[in-house]
């Protein structure tokens, strides 16, 4: 192996732990390798976030804890079907509810049609143990992305009931020590469904959104939801007291949520990953600029460093933080961006204190 090739290999791998190797590689190493390292230092930290987003399902909020939804949804859906409120999805992937006049369930302010005047549930499920609403279903023919839909969700989220009752909050007449709760609720819009799980008086989990474009047209969505089969393909008898049946209904509902979110998952994933890549790119360029500024002093032996050279040094310095972020980010995904920012900052601080510091007088 030629001596020059040995130097390139040594400095290429050495820059992961040695600042001097990063400087030598930036000065004498091939530009193409520096460019490759720069792009890897920007893209590798994004991978944990990208992988996590791609593995996220629309029902992720009920993956570990069901919040009692298996029985609540089963009972509510059964009651709706018995009352003739079948949910239908047409060829345009828009949902309608049989025997429902939407104007009776959502009314708008007469002075501003974007504001909600009142919202009435289509169906509720009341716990016999607590006498409280466990699940409340609202329906609307609005588009889930509209301002009116957002206002409707805000209006519903602010509705509270007195503990152990189904009576709404009465700010004027209720005693000061009155305790309130917020029930778990669902809003079935014409193009999406939104689920918010509440505990006591706070929302603790929510669905991911999406739309129905990945769901096949179906005129009997409730019947499909309430049809549960075992591993052998045999239909399980509908029985609210049968936990296997209730879990099967919840599984069907989770599948529905997953397909709803899948319609926007890829767009959201690439958009979010692109934003983080842009942030990491900007951070890397800023660190290169920062090193150039720190070498400007007349007593600094590195004041001959050009901005271009500092950028090349940073490109090689950033590879180690990127690899660290890739490994740790797979286990600590929510902290991946912070890990990269901190490790890159520490690496630049390290080289600034050692190799790039001014001569002491």
Protein backbone atom coordinates (compact mmCIF):
# COMPACT_ATOMS: atom_id res chain seq x y z
CA UNK A 1 0.00 0.00 0.00
CA UNK A 2 1.31 3.43 -0.94
CA UNK A 3 2.29 5.79 1.84
CA UNK A 4 -0.25 8.35 0.63
CA UNK A 5 -3.01 5.75 0.75
CA UNK A 6 -1.94 4.77 4.26
CA UNK A 7 -2.19 8.41 5.34
CA UNK A 8 -5.67 8.72 3.86
CA UNK A 9 -6.87 5.57 5.64
CA UNK A 10 -5.20 6.58 8.91
CA UNK A 11 -6.66 10.07 8.90
CA UNK A 12 -10.01 8.84 7.60
CA UNK A 13 -10.56 6.49 10.52
CA UNK A 14 -8.48 8.55 12.93
CA UNK A 15 -10.77 11.56 12.65
CA UNK A 16 -13.38 9.63 14.62
CA UNK A 17 -11.35 10.04 17.80
CA UNK A 18 -8.38 12.24 16.94
CA UNK A 19 -8.77 15.95 16.23
CA UNK A 20 -5.31 16.25 14.71
CA UNK A 21 -6.24 13.53 12.21
CA UNK A 22 -9.35 15.52 11.27
CA UNK A 23 -7.24 18.60 10.59
CA UNK A 24 -4.67 16.66 8.57
CA UNK A 25 -7.42 14.95 6.58
CA UNK A 26 -9.12 18.27 5.88
CA UNK A 27 -5.82 19.74 4.63
CA UNK A 28 -4.39 16.85 2.70
CA UNK A 29 -7.13 14.25 2.31
CA UNK A 30 -9.24 13.82 -0.82
CA UNK A 31 -12.11 16.28 -1.11
CA UNK A 32 -14.56 13.57 -2.15
CA UNK A 33 -13.99 11.71 1.13
CA UNK A 34 -14.55 14.90 3.14
CA UNK A 35 -17.80 15.53 1.26
CA UNK A 36 -18.96 11.96 1.91
CA UNK A 37 -18.20 12.38 5.62
CA UNK A 38 -20.11 15.66 5.68
CA UNK A 39 -23.25 14.16 4.18
CA UNK A 40 -22.99 11.12 6.46
CA UNK A 41 -22.68 13.42 9.49
CA UNK A 42 -25.96 15.08 8.48
CA UNK A 43 -27.92 12.00 7.41
CA UNK A 44 -26.90 9.40 10.02
CA UNK A 45 -28.46 11.29 12.98
CA UNK A 46 -31.73 11.44 11.06
CA UNK A 47 -31.95 7.66 10.63
CA UNK A 48 -33.23 6.86 14.18
CA UNK A 49 -35.98 9.44 13.74
CA UNK A 50 -36.81 8.13 10.27
CA UNK A 51 -36.94 4.49 11.41
CA UNK A 52 -39.08 5.36 14.43
CA UNK A 53 -41.55 7.33 12.32
CA UNK A 54 -41.82 4.53 9.73
CA UNK A 55 -42.57 2.02 12.50
CA UNK A 56 -45.25 4.20 14.09
CA UNK A 57 -48.82 2.99 13.72
CA UNK A 58 -52.05 4.91 13.99
CA UNK A 59 -53.03 2.84 17.02
CA UNK A 60 -49.70 3.34 18.81
CA UNK A 61 -51.40 5.25 21.61
CA UNK A 62 -53.25 2.08 22.69
CA UNK A 63 -50.45 -0.41 22.00
CA UNK A 64 -49.42 -0.96 25.63
CA UNK A 65 -52.50 0.25 27.53
CA UNK A 66 -56.02 -0.23 26.19
CA UNK A 67 -57.64 2.31 28.56
CA UNK A 68 -60.67 -0.01 28.73
CA UNK A 69 -61.49 0.69 25.09
CA UNK A 70 -62.03 -2.99 24.28
CA UNK A 71 -65.30 -3.12 26.22
CA UNK A 72 -66.34 0.49 25.74
CA UNK A 73 -65.99 0.41 21.95
CA UNK A 74 -67.65 -3.00 21.70
CA UNK A 75 -70.68 -1.89 23.70
CA UNK A 76 -70.97 1.48 21.96
CA UNK A 77 -70.64 -0.04 18.48
CA UNK A 78 -73.18 -2.74 19.32
CA UNK A 79 -75.69 -0.14 20.52
CA UNK A 80 -75.17 1.96 17.38
CA UNK A 81 -75.75 -1.00 15.11
CA UNK A 82 -78.90 -2.02 16.99
CA UNK A 83 -80.22 1.53 16.61
CA UNK A 84 -79.64 1.51 12.85
CA UNK A 85 -76.72 3.95 12.77
CA UNK A 86 -74.56 2.06 10.28
CA UNK A 87 -71.32 3.75 9.17
CA UNK A 88 -70.75 3.74 5.40
CA UNK A 89 -67.65 4.56 3.35
CA UNK A 90 -68.33 5.49 -0.27
CA UNK A 91 -66.17 5.34 -3.39
CA UNK A 92 -64.70 8.76 -2.58
CA UNK A 93 -63.55 7.40 0.79
CA UNK A 94 -65.93 9.69 2.65
CA UNK A 95 -67.91 8.44 5.61
CA UNK A 96 -71.59 8.95 6.27
CA UNK A 97 -73.76 7.67 9.12
CA UNK A 98 -77.17 6.22 8.40
CA UNK A 99 -80.20 7.87 10.02
CA UNK A 100 -78.22 10.90 11.18
CA UNK A 101 -78.95 14.58 10.59
CA UNK A 102 -75.56 16.16 11.24
CA UNK A 103 -77.11 19.56 11.96
CA UNK A 104 -78.69 18.08 15.08
CA UNK A 105 -75.33 17.10 16.55
CA UNK A 106 -73.10 20.08 15.73
CA UNK A 107 -74.37 23.66 15.61
CA UNK A 108 -72.42 26.75 14.67
CA UNK A 109 -72.43 30.29 15.96
CA UNK A 110 -74.88 32.41 13.97
CA UNK A 111 -72.42 35.31 13.88
CA UNK A 112 -69.38 33.22 12.91
CA UNK A 113 -69.84 29.89 11.14
CA UNK A 114 -66.32 28.76 12.14
CA UNK A 115 -67.20 28.83 15.84
CA UNK A 116 -69.02 25.98 17.52
CA UNK A 117 -72.15 26.83 19.46
CA UNK A 118 -72.86 23.33 20.74
CA UNK A 119 -71.98 19.68 20.18
CA UNK A 120 -74.21 16.74 21.08
CA UNK A 121 -72.88 13.17 21.18
CA UNK A 122 -74.41 10.64 18.82
CA UNK A 123 -73.80 7.93 21.41
CA UNK A 124 -72.32 7.60 24.89
CA UNK A 125 -71.20 4.73 27.08
CA UNK A 126 -71.80 5.15 30.82
CA UNK A 127 -69.96 3.01 33.35
CA UNK A 128 -72.29 1.27 35.78
CA UNK A 129 -69.53 1.32 38.39
CA UNK A 130 -68.86 5.07 38.38
CA UNK A 131 -71.98 6.49 36.68
CA UNK A 132 -69.59 8.47 34.47
CA UNK A 133 -69.18 8.71 30.72
CA UNK A 134 -66.46 6.27 29.69
CA UNK A 135 -66.70 6.89 25.95
CA UNK A 136 -68.45 9.60 23.95
CA UNK A 137 -68.90 9.54 20.17
CA UNK A 138 -69.45 12.67 18.10
CA UNK A 139 -70.13 12.74 14.35
CA UNK A 140 -69.63 15.49 11.82
CA UNK A 141 -69.70 15.93 8.06
CA UNK A 142 -66.76 18.33 8.27
CA UNK A 143 -63.34 17.66 6.79
CA UNK A 144 -60.88 16.77 9.52
CA UNK A 145 -58.36 19.34 8.24
CA UNK A 146 -60.77 22.27 8.31
CA UNK A 147 -60.71 25.11 10.81
CA UNK A 148 -64.24 24.23 11.85
CA UNK A 149 -63.11 20.69 12.68
CA UNK A 150 -60.25 22.05 14.77
CA UNK A 151 -62.67 24.33 16.60
CA UNK A 152 -65.03 21.42 17.16
CA UNK A 153 -62.27 19.35 18.75
CA UNK A 154 -61.29 22.28 20.97
CA UNK A 155 -64.91 22.79 22.00
CA UNK A 156 -65.37 19.11 22.89
CA UNK A 157 -62.04 18.91 24.75
CA UNK A 158 -63.23 21.69 27.04
CA UNK A 159 -66.42 19.90 28.04
CA UNK A 160 -66.19 18.59 31.60
CA UNK A 161 -68.61 16.67 33.80
CA UNK A 162 -69.03 16.40 37.53
CA UNK A 163 -67.41 13.30 39.02
CA UNK A 164 -69.71 10.26 39.42
CA UNK A 165 -72.39 11.92 37.26
CA UNK A 166 -73.15 12.76 33.65
CA UNK A 167 -73.94 16.38 34.53
CA UNK A 168 -71.94 19.07 32.78
CA UNK A 169 -69.81 21.60 34.61
CA UNK A 170 -71.84 24.54 35.89
CA UNK A 171 -69.40 27.30 36.70
CA UNK A 172 -72.10 29.46 38.28
CA UNK A 173 -73.90 27.02 40.56
CA UNK A 174 -71.34 24.29 41.29
CA UNK A 175 -69.65 24.45 44.73
CA UNK A 176 -65.98 25.44 44.73
CA UNK A 177 -64.78 21.98 45.76
CA UNK A 178 -66.64 20.22 42.93
CA UNK A 179 -64.44 17.76 41.07
CA UNK A 180 -64.74 17.22 37.33
CA UNK A 181 -63.67 14.68 34.73
CA UNK A 182 -63.28 14.54 30.96
CA UNK A 183 -64.45 11.37 29.19
CA UNK A 184 -62.60 9.64 26.39
CA UNK A 185 -64.12 10.79 23.11
CA UNK A 186 -64.10 10.10 19.39
CA UNK A 187 -65.03 12.41 16.54
CA UNK A 188 -65.95 10.69 13.27
CA UNK A 189 -65.41 13.23 10.51
CA UNK A 190 -66.28 12.49 6.90
CA UNK A 191 -62.63 11.85 5.98
CA UNK A 192 -60.91 10.87 9.24
CA UNK A 193 -61.47 9.84 12.82
CA UNK A 194 -59.96 11.45 15.90
CA UNK A 195 -59.70 9.63 19.23
CA UNK A 196 -58.69 11.31 22.50
CA UNK A 197 -58.17 9.24 25.64
CA UNK A 198 -58.76 11.13 28.89
CA UNK A 199 -57.94 10.33 32.49
CA UNK A 200 -59.69 12.31 35.20
CA UNK A 201 -59.84 15.80 33.67
CA UNK A 202 -56.88 15.62 31.29
CA UNK A 203 -56.18 14.14 27.85
CA UNK A 204 -53.42 11.52 28.08
CA UNK A 205 -53.30 10.08 24.55
CA UNK A 206 -54.62 10.80 21.08
CA UNK A 207 -54.76 9.16 17.66
CA UNK A 208 -52.40 10.15 14.85
CA UNK A 209 -54.97 11.41 12.35
CA UNK A 210 -54.91 10.55 8.65
CA UNK A 211 -57.71 9.82 6.20
CA UNK A 212 -59.74 6.93 4.80
CA UNK A 213 -58.04 6.72 1.40
CA UNK A 214 -56.40 3.36 2.26
CA UNK A 215 -59.68 1.80 3.40
CA UNK A 216 -61.87 -0.01 0.89
CA UNK A 217 -65.41 1.31 0.39
CA UNK A 218 -67.71 -0.45 2.82
CA UNK A 219 -71.40 0.07 3.52
CA UNK A 220 -71.30 -1.91 6.77
CA UNK A 221 -68.30 -0.62 8.74
CA UNK A 222 -69.93 -1.32 12.10
CA UNK A 223 -70.73 -4.89 11.11
CA UNK A 224 -67.13 -5.32 9.97
CA UNK A 225 -65.84 -3.89 13.25
CA UNK A 226 -68.04 -6.22 15.29
CA UNK A 227 -67.12 -9.34 13.29
CA UNK A 228 -64.39 -11.23 15.15
CA UNK A 229 -62.79 -14.49 14.07
CA UNK A 230 -60.45 -16.86 15.89
CA UNK A 231 -57.14 -18.22 14.60
CA UNK A 232 -58.95 -20.97 12.69
CA UNK A 233 -61.17 -18.44 10.93
CA UNK A 234 -64.29 -19.29 12.88
CA UNK A 235 -66.57 -16.40 13.83
CA UNK A 236 -66.65 -15.71 17.57
CA UNK A 237 -70.13 -15.16 18.97
CA UNK A 238 -70.82 -11.52 19.75
CA UNK A 239 -70.86 -11.28 23.53
CA UNK A 240 -69.81 -8.23 25.54
CA UNK A 241 -68.99 -10.52 28.47
CA UNK A 242 -66.48 -12.47 26.37
CA UNK A 243 -63.08 -10.78 26.74
CA UNK A 244 -61.72 -12.55 23.64
CA UNK A 245 -64.54 -11.06 21.60
CA UNK A 246 -63.98 -7.56 23.01
CA UNK A 247 -60.24 -7.79 22.34
CA UNK A 248 -61.03 -8.88 18.80
CA UNK A 249 -63.21 -5.82 18.28
CA UNK A 250 -60.43 -3.61 19.63
CA UNK A 251 -58.01 -5.33 17.23
CA UNK A 252 -60.33 -4.49 14.33
CA UNK A 253 -60.54 -0.90 15.52
CA UNK A 254 -56.76 -0.65 15.81
CA UNK A 255 -56.44 -1.96 12.25
CA UNK A 256 -58.85 0.76 11.13
CA UNK A 257 -56.76 3.42 12.87
CA UNK A 258 -53.55 2.03 11.35
CA UNK A 259 -54.95 2.19 7.81
CA UNK A 260 -56.22 5.70 8.47
CA UNK A 261 -52.79 6.91 9.57
CA UNK A 262 -50.93 5.00 6.83
CA UNK A 263 -52.45 7.40 4.30
CA UNK A 264 -50.28 10.23 5.66
CA UNK A 265 -47.48 8.36 7.42
CA UNK A 266 -44.97 8.43 4.57
CA UNK A 267 -45.52 12.11 3.86
CA UNK A 268 -45.16 12.97 7.55
CA UNK A 269 -42.06 10.79 7.90
CA UNK A 270 -40.17 12.35 4.99
CA UNK A 271 -41.27 15.86 5.95
CA UNK A 272 -40.11 15.46 9.54
CA UNK A 273 -36.86 13.79 8.49
CA UNK A 274 -36.21 16.59 6.00
CA UNK A 275 -36.71 19.22 8.69
CA UNK A 276 -34.25 17.51 11.03
CA UNK A 277 -31.74 17.05 8.19
CA UNK A 278 -31.97 20.78 7.47
CA UNK A 279 -31.44 21.55 11.17
CA UNK A 280 -28.38 19.29 11.35
CA UNK A 281 -27.04 20.78 8.11
CA UNK A 282 -27.41 24.29 9.49
CA UNK A 283 -25.79 23.25 12.77
CA UNK A 284 -22.83 21.71 10.97
CA UNK A 285 -22.27 24.83 8.86
CA UNK A 286 -22.56 27.00 11.97
CA UNK A 287 -19.93 24.92 13.79
CA UNK A 288 -17.56 25.31 10.86
CA UNK A 289 -18.13 29.08 10.90
CA UNK A 290 -17.62 29.12 14.67
CA UNK A 291 -14.22 27.40 14.35
CA UNK A 292 -13.17 29.91 11.71
CA UNK A 293 -14.13 32.82 13.97
CA UNK A 294 -12.24 31.30 16.92
CA UNK A 295 -9.02 31.14 14.88
CA UNK A 296 -9.05 34.83 13.88
CA UNK A 297 -6.91 36.15 16.74
CA UNK A 298 -3.46 37.47 15.86
CA UNK A 299 -1.90 35.24 18.52
CA UNK A 300 -3.60 32.16 17.18
CA UNK A 301 -1.17 29.98 15.19
CA UNK A 302 -4.11 28.77 13.12
CA UNK A 303 -5.23 32.20 11.93
CA UNK A 304 -4.27 31.17 8.43
CA UNK A 305 -7.24 28.73 8.42
CA UNK A 306 -9.72 29.72 5.74
CA UNK A 307 -13.45 29.37 6.15
CA UNK A 308 -13.37 26.58 3.56
CA UNK A 309 -10.73 24.67 5.54
CA UNK A 310 -12.74 25.04 8.75
CA UNK A 311 -15.78 23.67 7.00
CA UNK A 312 -13.77 20.66 5.86
CA UNK A 313 -12.46 20.12 9.40
CA UNK A 314 -16.01 20.23 10.74
CA UNK A 315 -17.14 17.73 8.11
CA UNK A 316 -14.65 15.22 9.47
CA UNK A 317 -15.32 16.08 13.11
CA UNK A 318 -19.07 15.56 12.70
CA UNK A 319 -18.84 11.91 11.68
CA UNK A 320 -18.17 10.60 15.21
CA UNK A 321 -21.14 12.45 16.80
CA UNK A 322 -23.31 11.22 13.93
CA UNK A 323 -22.33 7.59 14.58
CA UNK A 324 -22.91 8.01 18.31
CA UNK A 325 -26.35 9.48 17.60
CA UNK A 326 -27.18 6.64 15.21
CA UNK A 327 -26.40 3.98 17.84
CA UNK A 328 -27.89 5.69 20.89
CA UNK A 329 -30.80 7.12 18.92
CA UNK A 330 -32.09 3.65 18.07
CA UNK A 331 -32.72 3.14 21.79
CA UNK A 332 -33.41 6.75 22.81
CA UNK A 333 -35.21 8.02 19.73
CA UNK A 334 -36.89 10.97 21.42
CA UNK A 335 -33.47 12.31 22.44
CA UNK A 336 -31.71 11.64 19.11
CA UNK A 337 -31.63 15.28 17.98
CA UNK A 338 -30.35 16.45 21.35
CA UNK A 339 -27.67 13.75 21.40
CA UNK A 340 -26.27 14.95 18.08
CA UNK A 341 -26.36 18.61 19.05
CA UNK A 342 -24.58 17.95 22.36
CA UNK A 343 -21.95 15.56 21.02
CA UNK A 344 -21.12 17.78 18.05
CA UNK A 345 -20.91 20.80 20.32
CA UNK A 346 -18.59 18.95 22.69
CA UNK A 347 -16.39 17.82 19.79
CA UNK A 348 -16.03 21.37 18.47
CA UNK A 349 -15.34 22.65 22.00
CA UNK A 350 -12.72 19.96 22.45
CA UNK A 351 -10.82 20.84 19.27
CA UNK A 352 -11.12 24.55 20.04
CA UNK A 353 -9.54 24.07 23.48
CA UNK A 354 -6.75 21.81 22.24
CA UNK A 355 -5.71 22.26 18.61
CA UNK A 356 -7.22 25.67 17.79
CA UNK A 357 -6.44 27.69 20.92
CA UNK A 358 -4.22 30.82 20.80
CA UNK A 359 -0.61 30.77 21.94
CA UNK A 360 -0.36 31.54 25.66
CA UNK A 361 1.71 34.66 26.35
